[in-house]
Protein backbone atom coordinates (compact mmCIF):
# COMPACT_ATOMS: atom_id res chain seq x y z
CA UNK A 1 0.06 -0.33 -0.26
CA UNK A 2 1.29 3.65 -1.24
CA UNK A 3 1.24 5.84 1.84
CA UNK A 4 2.05 9.78 1.66
CA UNK A 5 5.68 11.07 2.72
CA UNK A 6 5.86 13.11 5.50
CA UNK A 7 8.34 15.05 7.54
CA UNK A 8 9.69 13.83 11.04
CA UNK A 9 12.22 15.71 13.26
CA UNK A 10 14.49 13.87 14.56
CA UNK A 11 14.60 14.00 18.54
CA UNK A 12 16.80 16.51 20.44
CA UNK A 13 18.37 14.13 23.19
CA UNK A 14 19.42 11.50 20.64
CA UNK A 15 20.90 11.19 17.42
CA UNK A 16 18.94 10.61 14.19
CA UNK A 17 18.41 6.57 13.58
CA UNK A 18 19.42 5.54 10.39
CA UNK A 19 16.65 5.30 8.15
CA UNK A 20 15.09 1.66 7.21
CA UNK A 21 16.53 -0.28 4.27
CA UNK A 22 14.48 0.90 1.15
CA UNK A 23 12.15 -1.89 -0.45
CA UNK A 24 13.54 -3.02 -3.82
CA UNK A 25 11.77 -0.70 -6.24
CA UNK A 26 9.98 -2.42 -9.67
CA UNK A 27 10.26 0.37 -11.50
CA UNK A 28 6.58 1.94 -11.64
CA UNK A 29 8.14 6.13 -11.72
CA UNK A 30 10.52 5.48 -14.28
CA UNK A 31 7.90 3.80 -16.52
CA UNK A 32 5.25 6.66 -15.69
CA UNK A 33 7.97 9.08 -16.64
CA UNK A 34 8.80 7.01 -19.82
CA UNK A 35 5.24 7.30 -20.47
CA UNK A 36 4.84 11.14 -20.07
CA UNK A 37 8.18 11.64 -22.15
CA UNK A 38 6.58 10.25 -24.63
CA UNK A 39 3.21 11.55 -24.76
CA UNK A 40 6.19 15.05 -24.23
CA UNK A 41 7.20 14.08 -27.57
CA UNK A 42 7.67 18.05 -28.83
CA UNK A 43 11.40 17.98 -28.17
CA UNK A 44 12.15 15.65 -30.28
CA UNK A 45 9.48 16.76 -32.74
CA UNK A 46 11.66 20.24 -32.76
CA UNK A 47 14.72 18.79 -33.10
CA UNK A 48 14.22 16.58 -36.34
CA UNK A 49 12.10 20.21 -38.02
CA UNK A 50 15.09 22.28 -36.78
CA UNK A 51 17.53 20.04 -39.00
CA UNK A 52 15.03 19.75 -41.34
CA UNK A 53 14.96 23.13 -41.52
CA UNK A 54 18.75 23.93 -40.91
CA UNK A 55 19.62 21.61 -44.29
CA UNK A 56 16.52 23.44 -46.49
CA UNK A 57 17.59 26.89 -45.33
CA UNK A 58 21.39 25.98 -46.14
CA UNK A 59 20.27 24.19 -49.70
CA UNK A 60 18.32 27.71 -50.48
CA UNK A 61 21.59 29.78 -49.16
CA UNK A 62 23.77 28.06 -51.58
CA UNK A 63 21.00 28.16 -54.13
CA UNK A 64 21.07 32.02 -54.01
CA UNK A 65 24.75 31.29 -54.08
CA UNK A 66 24.90 29.93 -57.50
CA UNK A 67 22.60 32.88 -58.15
CA UNK A 68 24.88 35.35 -57.13
CA UNK A 69 28.01 33.65 -58.89
CA UNK A 70 26.21 33.08 -62.19
CA UNK A 71 25.27 36.65 -62.08
CA UNK A 72 28.76 37.70 -61.54
CA UNK A 73 29.96 35.81 -64.58
CA UNK A 74 27.15 37.34 -66.88
CA UNK A 75 28.03 40.96 -65.25
CA UNK A 76 31.83 40.05 -65.77
CA UNK A 77 31.05 39.30 -69.62
CA UNK A 78 29.11 42.24 -70.02
CA UNK A 79 31.78 44.36 -68.53
CA UNK A 80 34.39 42.57 -70.72
CA UNK A 81 32.38 43.00 -73.90
CA UNK A 82 32.23 46.75 -73.39
CA UNK A 83 35.99 47.47 -72.85
CA UNK A 84 35.99 45.54 -76.20
CA UNK A 85 34.12 47.82 -77.56
CA UNK A 86 36.15 50.61 -75.95
CA UNK A 87 39.49 48.76 -76.97
CA UNK A 88 38.26 48.23 -80.33
CA UNK A 89 37.64 52.16 -81.12
CA UNK A 90 40.53 53.78 -79.31
CA UNK A 91 42.83 50.44 -81.62
CA UNK A 92 41.14 52.43 -84.59
CA UNK A 93 42.43 56.20 -83.17
CA UNK A 94 45.88 54.91 -82.31
CA UNK A 95 46.30 53.00 -85.47
CA UNK A 96 45.75 56.44 -87.31
CA UNK A 97 48.59 58.12 -84.75
CA UNK A 98 50.90 56.07 -85.01
CA UNK A 99 51.24 55.88 -89.01
CA UNK A 100 54.64 57.79 -89.87
CA UNK A 101 54.16 57.82 -93.02
CA UNK A 102 51.46 60.31 -92.76
CA UNK A 103 52.12 64.27 -91.71
CA UNK A 104 51.15 64.88 -87.70
CA UNK A 105 48.51 66.96 -88.58
CA UNK A 106 46.88 64.96 -91.12
CA UNK A 107 47.16 62.00 -88.52
CA UNK A 108 45.37 64.16 -86.23
CA UNK A 109 42.65 65.24 -88.70
CA UNK A 110 41.93 61.78 -89.60
CA UNK A 111 42.29 60.36 -85.50
CA UNK A 112 39.34 63.19 -84.66
CA UNK A 113 37.63 61.95 -87.39
CA UNK A 114 37.13 58.34 -86.26
CA UNK A 115 36.71 59.70 -82.97
CA UNK A 116 33.77 61.85 -83.70
CA UNK A 117 32.19 58.98 -85.16
CA UNK A 118 32.90 56.71 -81.71
CA UNK A 119 29.64 55.60 -79.87
CA UNK A 120 31.48 55.14 -76.72
CA UNK A 121 34.60 57.63 -76.80
CA UNK A 122 34.16 61.47 -76.67
CA UNK A 123 37.76 62.72 -75.74
CA UNK A 124 41.13 60.97 -76.15
CA UNK A 125 44.44 62.60 -74.75
CA UNK A 126 47.63 62.98 -75.53
CA UNK A 127 50.64 62.34 -73.13
CA UNK A 128 54.36 62.27 -73.21
CA UNK A 129 56.53 59.57 -71.89
CA UNK A 130 57.12 61.78 -68.96
CA UNK A 131 53.08 62.09 -68.56
CA UNK A 132 52.55 65.66 -69.76
CA UNK A 133 49.34 66.45 -71.89
CA UNK A 134 50.55 67.10 -75.27
CA UNK A 135 47.30 67.81 -76.42
CA UNK A 136 43.21 66.00 -76.67
CA UNK A 137 41.32 65.20 -79.71
CA UNK A 138 37.71 65.65 -78.78
CA UNK A 139 34.00 65.18 -80.13
CA UNK A 140 32.16 68.35 -80.95
CA UNK A 141 30.42 69.61 -77.89
CA UNK A 142 32.16 67.17 -75.49
CA UNK A 143 34.09 68.87 -72.36
CA UNK A 144 34.70 66.40 -70.58
CA UNK A 145 37.86 67.47 -68.20
CA UNK A 146 41.35 65.39 -68.54
CA UNK A 147 44.17 65.72 -65.96
CA UNK A 148 47.17 67.57 -67.73
CA UNK A 149 49.29 65.03 -65.95
CA UNK A 150 49.04 61.03 -65.55
CA UNK A 151 50.00 59.67 -62.46
CA UNK A 152 53.23 57.46 -62.31
CA UNK A 153 51.81 54.35 -62.26
CA UNK A 154 49.40 55.04 -65.64
CA UNK A 155 52.80 55.16 -67.35
CA UNK A 156 53.90 51.22 -65.95
CA UNK A 157 53.22 48.53 -68.62
CA UNK A 158 49.95 47.74 -69.30
CA UNK A 159 47.97 44.76 -67.87
CA UNK A 160 46.19 43.80 -71.69
CA UNK A 161 42.55 44.06 -71.23
CA UNK A 162 41.84 41.40 -75.03
CA UNK A 163 45.21 41.32 -75.83
CA UNK A 164 45.38 44.90 -77.00
CA UNK A 165 47.93 46.55 -74.91
CA UNK A 166 45.27 48.51 -72.67
CA UNK A 167 44.94 49.16 -69.23
CA UNK A 168 42.07 50.39 -66.94
CA UNK A 169 42.69 52.78 -64.51
CA UNK A 170 40.98 54.27 -61.59
CA UNK A 171 37.71 55.41 -61.94
CA UNK A 172 37.87 59.22 -62.18
CA UNK A 173 34.91 61.27 -60.68
CA UNK A 174 34.96 64.78 -62.74
CA UNK A 175 31.64 67.51 -63.13
CA UNK A 176 30.43 65.57 -65.77
CA UNK A 177 29.99 62.50 -63.66
CA UNK A 178 32.35 59.42 -63.16
CA UNK A 179 34.45 57.89 -66.14
CA UNK A 180 36.59 54.89 -66.02
CA UNK A 181 40.08 55.79 -67.96
CA UNK A 182 41.35 53.55 -70.43
CA UNK A 183 44.95 53.85 -71.02
CA UNK A 184 46.77 52.84 -74.37
CA UNK A 185 50.76 53.03 -75.23
CA UNK A 186 51.42 53.45 -79.11
CA UNK A 187 55.46 54.02 -80.43
CA UNK A 188 56.33 56.39 -82.98
CA UNK A 189 59.80 57.02 -84.54
CA UNK A 190 61.47 59.49 -81.80
CA UNK A 191 58.99 59.05 -79.05
CA UNK A 192 56.13 56.97 -76.99
CA UNK A 193 52.79 58.43 -76.26
CA UNK A 194 50.39 57.19 -73.65
CA UNK A 195 46.47 58.12 -74.84
CA UNK A 196 43.95 58.11 -72.02
CA UNK A 197 40.22 57.77 -72.97
CA UNK A 198 37.80 58.57 -69.85
CA UNK A 199 34.68 56.76 -70.73
CA UNK A 200 31.66 56.94 -69.15
CA UNK A 201 29.71 53.77 -68.72
CA UNK A 202 26.32 54.50 -69.79
CA UNK A 203 25.94 51.98 -72.25
CA UNK A 204 27.48 49.26 -69.75
CA UNK A 205 24.70 50.81 -67.00
CA UNK A 206 21.98 50.10 -69.76
CA UNK A 207 23.32 46.25 -70.50
CA UNK A 208 23.22 45.56 -66.40
CA UNK A 209 19.79 46.89 -66.09
CA UNK A 210 18.41 44.53 -68.37
CA UNK A 211 20.55 41.84 -66.22
CA UNK A 212 18.96 42.67 -63.06
CA UNK A 213 15.89 42.40 -65.05
CA UNK A 214 16.49 38.77 -66.01
CA UNK A 215 18.40 37.68 -63.09
CA UNK A 216 16.59 39.59 -60.16
CA UNK A 217 13.31 40.36 -60.76
CA UNK A 218 14.50 44.11 -61.58
CA UNK A 219 15.94 45.32 -58.52
CA UNK A 220 17.99 48.26 -59.18
CA UNK A 221 20.53 47.82 -57.13
CA UNK A 222 21.48 44.40 -57.30
CA UNK A 223 24.04 44.47 -59.39
CA UNK A 224 27.29 47.00 -59.00
CA UNK A 225 30.32 48.11 -60.90
CA UNK A 226 32.69 49.65 -58.45
CA UNK A 227 36.32 50.57 -58.64
CA UNK A 228 38.56 50.14 -55.89
CA UNK A 229 37.68 52.59 -53.64
CA UNK A 230 33.81 51.45 -53.76
CA UNK A 231 32.64 54.20 -55.96
CA UNK A 232 29.85 53.07 -58.32
CA UNK A 233 31.16 53.19 -62.01
CA UNK A 234 27.64 52.10 -63.30
CA UNK A 235 24.65 50.61 -61.93
CA UNK A 236 20.92 50.07 -63.43
CA UNK A 237 19.96 53.12 -61.47
CA UNK A 238 21.96 56.04 -63.60
CA UNK A 239 21.80 58.17 -60.03
CA UNK A 240 24.42 56.47 -58.15
CA UNK A 241 26.99 56.32 -60.26
CA UNK A 242 29.52 58.41 -58.24
CA UNK A 243 28.33 57.15 -54.76
CA UNK A 244 30.81 55.68 -52.87
CA UNK A 245 29.13 52.72 -50.69
CA UNK A 246 29.97 51.84 -47.23
CA UNK A 247 33.05 49.34 -47.04
CA UNK A 248 31.81 45.99 -45.52
CA UNK A 249 33.65 44.97 -42.53
CA UNK A 250 34.67 41.79 -44.27
CA UNK A 251 36.34 43.42 -47.40
CA UNK A 252 39.73 44.17 -46.42
CA UNK A 253 42.76 45.13 -49.16
CA UNK A 254 44.37 41.39 -48.15
CA UNK A 255 40.37 40.56 -49.38
CA UNK A 256 40.46 42.66 -52.62
CA UNK A 257 44.16 41.16 -53.43
CA UNK A 258 42.33 37.91 -53.41
CA UNK A 259 39.42 38.76 -55.54
CA UNK A 260 41.93 38.75 -58.89
CA UNK A 261 41.02 35.00 -59.02
CA UNK A 262 38.43 34.27 -56.63
CA UNK A 263 34.44 34.93 -55.57
CA UNK A 264 33.96 36.44 -51.76
CA UNK A 265 30.56 35.12 -50.38
CA UNK A 266 29.20 36.60 -47.30
CA UNK A 267 25.79 37.15 -45.74
CA UNK A 268 24.96 40.15 -43.59
CA UNK A 269 24.11 44.12 -43.94
CA UNK A 270 25.12 45.71 -46.71
CA UNK A 271 25.05 48.99 -47.75
CA UNK A 272 23.48 50.22 -44.74
CA UNK A 273 20.49 48.97 -46.27
CA UNK A 274 17.77 47.36 -43.42
CA UNK A 275 17.55 43.92 -43.37
CA UNK A 276 20.15 41.72 -44.77
CA UNK A 277 21.69 40.49 -48.19
CA UNK A 278 23.52 38.06 -49.33
CA UNK A 279 26.41 39.65 -51.09
CA UNK A 280 29.02 38.00 -53.52
CA UNK A 281 32.14 40.52 -55.22
CA UNK A 282 34.70 39.36 -57.76
CA UNK A 283 36.76 41.28 -59.34
CA UNK A 284 38.53 40.67 -62.65
CA UNK A 285 42.15 40.00 -63.36
CA UNK A 286 42.94 42.56 -65.75
CA UNK A 287 41.05 45.71 -64.03
CA UNK A 288 40.40 47.35 -60.81
CA UNK A 289 36.87 46.67 -61.30
CA UNK A 290 34.96 45.11 -58.63
CA UNK A 291 31.60 43.03 -59.57
CA UNK A 292 28.67 43.03 -56.54
CA UNK A 293 25.96 41.05 -56.45
CA UNK A 294 23.34 40.83 -53.79
CA UNK A 295 20.26 39.16 -52.88
CA UNK A 296 17.80 39.94 -50.48
CA UNK A 297 18.27 37.56 -47.98
CA UNK A 298 14.06 38.03 -46.65
CA UNK A 299 13.14 36.58 -50.46
CA UNK A 300 16.19 33.99 -50.77
CA UNK A 301 14.73 32.24 -47.21
CA UNK A 302 10.96 33.17 -47.50
CA UNK A 303 10.26 29.37 -48.07
CA UNK A 304 12.32 28.63 -45.15
CA UNK A 305 10.32 30.75 -42.69
CA UNK A 306 7.35 29.33 -44.04
CA UNK A 307 7.70 26.05 -43.39
CA UNK A 308 8.89 26.99 -39.97
CA UNK A 309 5.75 28.25 -39.19
CA UNK A 310 4.42 24.93 -40.45
CA UNK A 311 6.76 22.87 -37.85
CA UNK A 312 6.26 25.30 -34.96
CA UNK A 313 2.54 24.94 -35.68
CA UNK A 314 2.72 21.27 -35.64
CA UNK A 315 5.01 21.08 -32.12
CA UNK A 316 2.87 24.00 -30.45
CA UNK A 317 -0.19 20.95 -31.01
CA UNK A 318 2.05 18.18 -29.69
CA UNK A 319 2.56 20.45 -26.74
CA UNK A 320 -0.86 20.97 -26.00
CA UNK A 321 -1.28 17.18 -25.86
CA UNK A 322 1.34 16.42 -23.97
CA UNK A 323 0.39 19.06 -21.55
CA UNK A 324 -3.10 17.27 -21.22
CA UNK A 325 -1.44 14.13 -20.31
CA UNK A 326 1.58 15.38 -18.13
CA UNK A 327 -1.90 17.04 -16.08
CA UNK A 328 -3.77 13.88 -15.56
CA UNK A 329 0.04 12.00 -14.97
CA UNK A 330 0.86 14.76 -12.46
CA UNK A 331 -1.94 14.36 -10.07
CA UNK A 332 -0.50 11.24 -9.14
CA UNK A 333 3.17 12.20 -8.89
CA UNK A 334 2.71 15.46 -7.19
CA UNK A 335 2.27 14.34 -3.83
CA UNK A 336 5.83 12.39 -3.03
CA UNK A 337 7.58 15.28 -5.35
CA UNK A 338 5.94 18.36 -3.05
CA UNK A 339 7.26 16.89 0.03
CA UNK A 340 10.40 15.87 -1.11
CA UNK A 341 10.83 19.78 -2.52
CA UNK A 342 9.94 20.95 0.83
CA UNK A 343 12.37 18.58 2.50
CA UNK A 344 15.46 20.33 0.08
CA UNK A 345 14.25 23.25 1.04
CA UNK A 346 14.85 22.20 4.68
CA UNK A 347 18.23 21.04 3.59
CA UNK A 348 18.91 24.49 2.72
CA UNK A 349 17.67 26.11 5.41
CA UNK A 350 20.28 23.96 7.32
CA UNK A 351 17.63 21.93 9.37
CA UNK A 352 19.57 19.22 9.18
CA UNK A 353 18.03 17.58 12.06
CA UNK A 354 14.44 16.49 9.97
CA UNK A 355 14.03 13.69 7.96
CA UNK A 356 11.63 13.01 5.35
CA UNK A 357 9.52 9.18 5.12
CA UNK A 358 8.60 8.22 1.76
CA UNK A 359 6.63 5.17 1.01
CA UNK A 360 5.79 4.84 -2.32
CA UNK A 361 7.50 1.47 -3.58
CA UNK A 362 9.27 3.25 -6.56
CA UNK A 363 12.05 5.53 -7.53
CA UNK A 364 10.81 8.03 -5.31
CA UNK A 365 11.74 6.10 -2.08
CA UNK A 366 14.91 5.20 -2.50
CA UNK A 367 15.42 9.57 -3.64
CA UNK A 368 14.00 9.96 0.17
CA UNK A 369 16.37 7.31 1.64
CA UNK A 370 19.32 9.28 -0.46
CA UNK A 371 18.34 12.68 0.65
CA UNK A 372 17.75 11.27 4.80
CA UNK A 373 21.49 10.30 4.24
CA UNK A 374 22.47 13.18 2.70
CA UNK A 375 20.92 15.08 6.11
CA UNK A 376 22.91 12.82 8.12
CA UNK A 377 26.61 13.38 6.15
CA UNK A 378 25.60 17.28 6.67
CA UNK A 379 25.28 17.14 10.19
CA UNK A 380 28.31 15.61 10.55
CA UNK A 381 30.08 17.60 8.38
CA UNK A 382 28.83 20.77 9.94
CA UNK A 383 29.71 19.34 13.29
CA UNK A 384 33.38 18.94 11.64
CA UNK A 385 33.37 22.48 10.35
CA UNK A 386 32.23 23.58 13.24
CA UNK A 387 35.07 22.39 15.16
CA UNK A 388 37.55 22.78 12.82
CA UNK A 389 36.63 26.84 12.79
CA UNK A 390 36.79 26.73 16.62
CA UNK A 391 40.56 25.30 16.10
CA UNK A 392 41.26 27.79 13.44
CA UNK A 393 39.97 30.57 15.44
CA UNK A 394 41.95 29.42 18.93
CA UNK A 395 45.47 29.10 16.44
CA UNK A 396 44.49 32.52 14.65
CA UNK A 397 45.51 34.29 18.51
CA UNK A 398 48.73 33.07 18.87
CA UNK A 399 49.93 32.40 14.99
CA UNK A 400 50.47 34.43 11.84
CA UNK A 401 47.98 33.36 9.48
CA UNK A 402 50.07 31.02 7.35
CA UNK A 403 51.10 28.72 10.08
CA UNK A 404 47.26 28.54 10.48
CA UNK A 405 47.07 25.59 7.67
CA UNK A 406 50.43 23.88 9.10
CA UNK A 407 49.15 23.09 12.25
CA UNK A 408 45.82 22.24 11.25
CA UNK A 409 47.19 19.64 8.89
CA UNK A 410 49.92 19.00 11.90
CA UNK A 411 53.13 20.30 9.78
CA UNK A 412 53.54 22.97 13.05
CA UNK A 413 53.80 21.48 16.40
CA UNK A 414 51.97 23.87 19.13
CA UNK A 415 54.99 23.83 21.75
CA UNK A 416 57.19 25.99 22.95
CA UNK A 417 60.54 26.57 21.89
CA UNK A 418 62.52 27.57 18.63
CA UNK A 419 65.18 27.05 16.37
CA UNK A 420 67.51 29.13 14.62
CA UNK A 421 67.27 30.26 11.61
CA UNK A 422 68.61 33.24 8.69
CA UNK A 423 65.74 35.50 8.66
CA UNK A 424 65.31 38.72 7.62
CA UNK A 425 63.54 41.14 10.31
CA UNK A 426 61.93 45.15 9.35
CA UNK A 427 60.40 47.51 11.80
CA UNK A 428 58.06 50.37 10.03
CA UNK A 429 56.87 53.10 12.60
CA UNK A 430 54.76 55.77 12.23
CA UNK A 431 57.42 59.00 12.82
CA UNK A 432 56.23 61.55 14.86
CA UNK A 433 52.94 59.75 15.98
CA UNK A 434 52.76 61.41 19.51
CA UNK A 435 52.36 64.75 17.81
CA UNK A 436 50.24 63.53 15.47
CA UNK A 437 47.90 62.10 18.23
CA UNK A 438 48.26 65.77 20.18
CA UNK A 439 47.30 67.29 17.36
CA UNK A 440 44.10 65.23 15.85
CA UNK A 441 41.20 63.44 17.86
CA UNK A 442 41.31 59.48 17.86
CA UNK A 443 37.96 59.37 15.58
CA UNK A 444 40.45 60.65 13.34
CA UNK A 445 43.95 58.99 13.74
CA UNK A 446 42.12 55.48 14.43
CA UNK A 447 40.43 54.93 11.04
CA UNK A 448 43.68 56.57 9.47
CA UNK A 449 46.21 53.81 11.37
CA UNK A 450 43.67 51.01 10.33
CA UNK A 451 44.34 52.11 6.55
CA UNK A 452 48.06 52.18 6.77
CA UNK A 453 48.27 49.07 8.76
CA UNK A 454 46.03 47.51 6.00
CA UNK A 455 48.41 48.89 3.26
CA UNK A 456 51.56 47.69 5.05
CA UNK A 457 50.42 44.20 5.47
CA UNK A 458 49.00 44.27 2.16
CA UNK A 459 52.53 44.79 0.92
CA UNK A 460 54.49 42.45 2.98
CA UNK A 461 52.18 39.68 1.82
CA UNK A 462 52.74 40.65 -1.42
CA UNK A 463 56.83 40.52 -1.28
CA UNK A 464 56.49 37.13 0.13
CA UNK A 465 56.26 38.39 3.97
CA UNK A 466 54.95 37.49 7.45
CA UNK A 467 53.37 40.22 10.19
CA UNK A 468 54.86 39.02 13.00
CA UNK A 469 52.95 41.62 15.49
CA UNK A 470 51.64 44.97 15.45
CA UNK A 471 53.15 47.20 18.72
CA UNK A 472 51.47 50.33 19.02
CA UNK A 473 52.39 52.06 15.99
CA UNK A 474 54.87 50.32 14.43
CA UNK A 475 54.52 46.64 12.65
CA UNK A 476 57.07 43.95 12.77
CA UNK A 477 57.80 41.94 9.67
CA UNK A 478 59.72 38.66 8.73
CA UNK A 479 61.11 37.34 6.23
CA UNK A 480 62.05 33.55 5.22
CA UNK A 481 60.06 32.17 8.16
CA UNK A 482 57.74 30.35 8.20
CA UNK A 483 57.75 30.74 4.77
CA UNK A 484 61.40 29.29 2.76
CA UNK A 485 62.67 32.43 0.92
CA UNK A 486 65.90 32.52 -1.20
CA UNK A 487 65.65 36.64 -1.49
CA UNK A 488 64.38 37.22 1.72
CA UNK A 489 67.11 40.47 2.09
CA UNK A 490 65.78 41.27 -1.44
CA UNK A 491 62.17 40.83 -0.76
CA UNK A 492 62.29 43.04 2.38
CA UNK A 493 64.34 46.20 0.45
CA UNK A 494 62.19 46.17 -1.87
CA UNK A 495 58.81 45.78 0.30
CA UNK A 496 60.37 49.13 2.49
CA UNK A 497 60.59 50.89 -1.24
CA UNK A 498 57.20 50.17 -2.22
CA UNK A 499 56.20 51.07 1.12
CA UNK A 500 57.43 54.57 1.32
CA UNK A 501 55.66 55.09 -2.29
CA UNK A 502 52.60 53.84 -1.63
CA UNK A 503 52.50 56.31 1.55
CA UNK A 504 53.61 59.04 -0.47
CA UNK A 505 50.76 58.48 -3.19
CA UNK A 506 48.58 57.78 0.12
CA UNK A 507 49.29 61.09 2.06
CA UNK A 508 47.41 62.93 -0.72
CA UNK A 509 43.93 61.62 0.00
CA UNK A 510 44.57 61.85 3.68
CA UNK A 511 46.10 65.37 3.52
CA UNK A 512 42.58 66.54 1.46
CA UNK A 513 40.84 63.79 3.78
CA UNK A 514 41.71 65.32 6.97
CA UNK A 515 44.63 67.35 6.90
CA UNK A 516 46.93 64.35 8.18
CA UNK A 517 50.32 63.29 6.25
CA UNK A 518 52.29 59.91 7.70
CA UNK A 519 55.97 59.41 7.46
CA UNK A 520 57.64 55.77 8.39
CA UNK A 521 60.43 55.33 9.62
CA UNK A 522 61.98 51.71 8.54
CA UNK A 523 64.42 49.66 10.06
CA UNK A 524 65.82 46.37 8.38
CA UNK A 525 68.62 43.51 9.12
CA UNK A 526 69.74 40.37 8.38
CA UNK A 527 70.99 37.66 10.44
CA UNK A 528 69.88 34.72 12.19
CA UNK A 529 67.31 34.38 15.01
CA UNK A 530 65.56 31.90 16.70
CA UNK A 531 62.55 31.68 15.42
CA UNK A 532 59.34 29.75 16.97
CA UNK A 533 56.76 29.68 19.53
CA UNK A 534 57.16 31.78 22.77
CA UNK A 535 55.59 32.76 25.92
CA UNK A 536 53.48 30.22 28.65
CA UNK A 537 51.72 26.89 27.99
CA UNK A 538 48.40 28.96 28.36
CA UNK A 539 49.35 31.87 25.97
CA UNK A 540 51.78 31.95 23.19
CA UNK A 541 53.29 33.51 19.49
CA UNK A 542 54.90 32.84 16.92
CA UNK A 543 58.29 35.29 16.57
CA UNK A 544 61.38 35.61 16.37
CA UNK A 545 63.85 36.24 18.96
CA UNK A 546 67.81 37.61 19.17
CA UNK A 547 70.54 40.17 18.17
CA UNK A 548 69.08 40.16 14.72
CA UNK A 549 65.60 41.73 15.89
CA UNK A 550 67.19 44.09 18.07
CA UNK A 551 69.59 45.56 15.26
CA UNK A 552 66.06 45.80 13.14
CA UNK A 553 64.25 47.76 15.84
CA UNK A 554 67.35 49.67 16.90
CA UNK A 555 67.97 50.82 12.78
CA UNK A 556 64.44 51.35 12.85
CA UNK A 557 64.82 54.13 15.87
CA UNK A 558 67.51 55.87 13.93
CA UNK A 559 65.88 56.65 10.87
CA UNK A 560 64.41 59.65 10.02
CA UNK A 561 61.06 60.25 8.29
CA UNK A 562 60.46 58.87 5.08
CA UNK A 563 63.87 56.55 5.44
CA UNK A 564 65.02 53.48 5.22
CA UNK A 565 68.26 51.93 7.26
CA UNK A 566 69.55 48.57 6.62
CA UNK A 567 72.65 46.93 8.56
CA UNK A 568 75.76 45.40 6.33
CA UNK A 569 74.78 41.99 6.09
CA UNK A 570 71.36 43.31 4.45
CA UNK A 571 72.99 45.11 2.06
CA UNK A 572 75.51 41.97 1.50
CA UNK A 573 72.76 39.73 0.70
CA UNK A 574 71.11 41.83 -1.87
CA UNK A 575 73.71 44.18 -3.63
CA UNK A 576 71.70 44.64 -6.53
CA UNK A 577 68.42 45.07 -4.82
CA UNK A 578 68.55 49.17 -4.09
CA UNK A 579 71.08 51.93 -4.06
CA UNK A 580 72.81 51.75 -1.25
CA UNK A 581 74.92 54.58 0.55
CA UNK A 582 77.09 53.98 3.64
CA UNK A 583 76.75 55.98 6.43
CA UNK A 584 79.25 54.46 8.71
CA UNK A 585 79.42 52.69 11.97
CA UNK A 586 77.49 53.37 15.06
CA UNK A 587 76.92 51.89 18.35
CA UNK A 588 73.16 51.14 19.02
CA UNK A 589 71.88 50.86 22.48
CA UNK A 590 72.49 47.52 24.33
CA UNK A 591 75.15 46.58 21.96
CA UNK A 592 79.04 46.92 22.72
CA UNK A 593 80.53 46.98 19.04
CA UNK A 594 79.59 49.31 16.45
CA UNK A 595 77.23 48.41 13.62
CA UNK A 596 77.56 49.74 9.56
CA UNK A 597 74.51 51.25 8.87
CA UNK A 598 73.31 52.04 5.03
CA UNK A 599 70.95 54.12 3.61
CA UNK A 600 68.46 52.58 0.52
CA UNK A 601 68.26 55.26 -1.78
CA UNK A 602 64.44 55.80 -3.10
CA UNK A 603 64.38 54.96 -6.93
């Protein structure tokens, strides 16, 4: 018989009894879940429909790609035919100009007569070998401007267009519109001329318009001819000639170089339009012209969008049926699941003494047993964590933070005594602290002192040191104990220099805030000291004792504000750590032998 679960708090006076072993499950809950998942077949339907949509969309994009590339091939063929016609007409003019048997004036007159009959050429300018204009042949009434000087690039050996020795230059923006300069070099008996004809692409635009009507249902900007600066040279829309389109972010200079032999095909925003377009670009190897075909992505993918609506509609119907079956199924399964969820909230609230009782004869009962076991484990773990936290708290009253984990791991014994160990000791004291306290109230001094000690502590940790203790307005630090540091003298000197720099920066803030300026006096010495636990059986501390500690403290007393004094042993242990200036020998209080001291010069 199946009973509803209930929460049973354990007795406070005794630990919770272990849960009874779970009866063997017969997989009834798994069977119900399987039936529900079959009913909720929306996910597989969506997965299959999504994969089909993806394949269908890919096929449509590939079809559009091939359509655009084919259009580019046709566009390149049309442009090549147009350039071929221009080349033929320029060949006729050049063939007359090179006829050495005719007088020069007669040649010019005949060339002008042929130019007047040309359909594409309106003016042909003649340039000498230096690129200086010698003159121009014009049709009557043609006032197209031509440059007086050709660019050096135009004087280079020509790139053949149709094996005619022609060169197509970069588009020219003139007051009469955009012109494409077509150049041809001819050789005379005594000199070499360069002919340049700025050609208007009106006929090419008319051909492109017919091609756009055939390929793209007359969309006016679906096919464009551009120069390398993305200026429109020819378009089905004559008013677009001369406009510069925004450069797509994916069309870089290396891309333009690669387009001499390849076709670039990308999707995304094009020419600042609303919506996305599939764009194909190519370039003829013999000209600086770019050919661009763009297709409205919405037109291409419209069949895919319609199919997506069908898939979503079918999925919505399946979801409605699955929801109805899920409601019928959940009425039977919801009660134990709700109780288990409530017990999980109890665990989240750290009420580990509670237990949940489930006798449903299926996997829910196994889950309830697992929850009870988890609660018991969490209770034990919390007790262990509390004990460990108590130990850590007790140890933190006696030991530096670096030793606490070692003590807990039994790597450091809590017993009185120490060992001789090479260390570097630093004392950093607030110079003039007494007068500072006299001038300012404790409410001002104490927060500043706390900020100072926080700053000094972080710097000591940054340089791998150990904060030994705070003595009033002074901090004592150790290096090479308890953590080893092969360069402990250099680390201490670097830390002291950083202390002075950071205090100077902090003074600007403290001066603006409360009118307080802090200066440090720092003493450092290196040598052997006895390092370990000192005190009594009930109160001890981890510290260092010995002559090295005393010398470091005396050096701190001798130091002026913002001065670092070190012993000779520190300078010898880290000669490259800073710039040291010898201050001679001096007698320190409590010592018979004088000590040589050095000042660290801030860098």
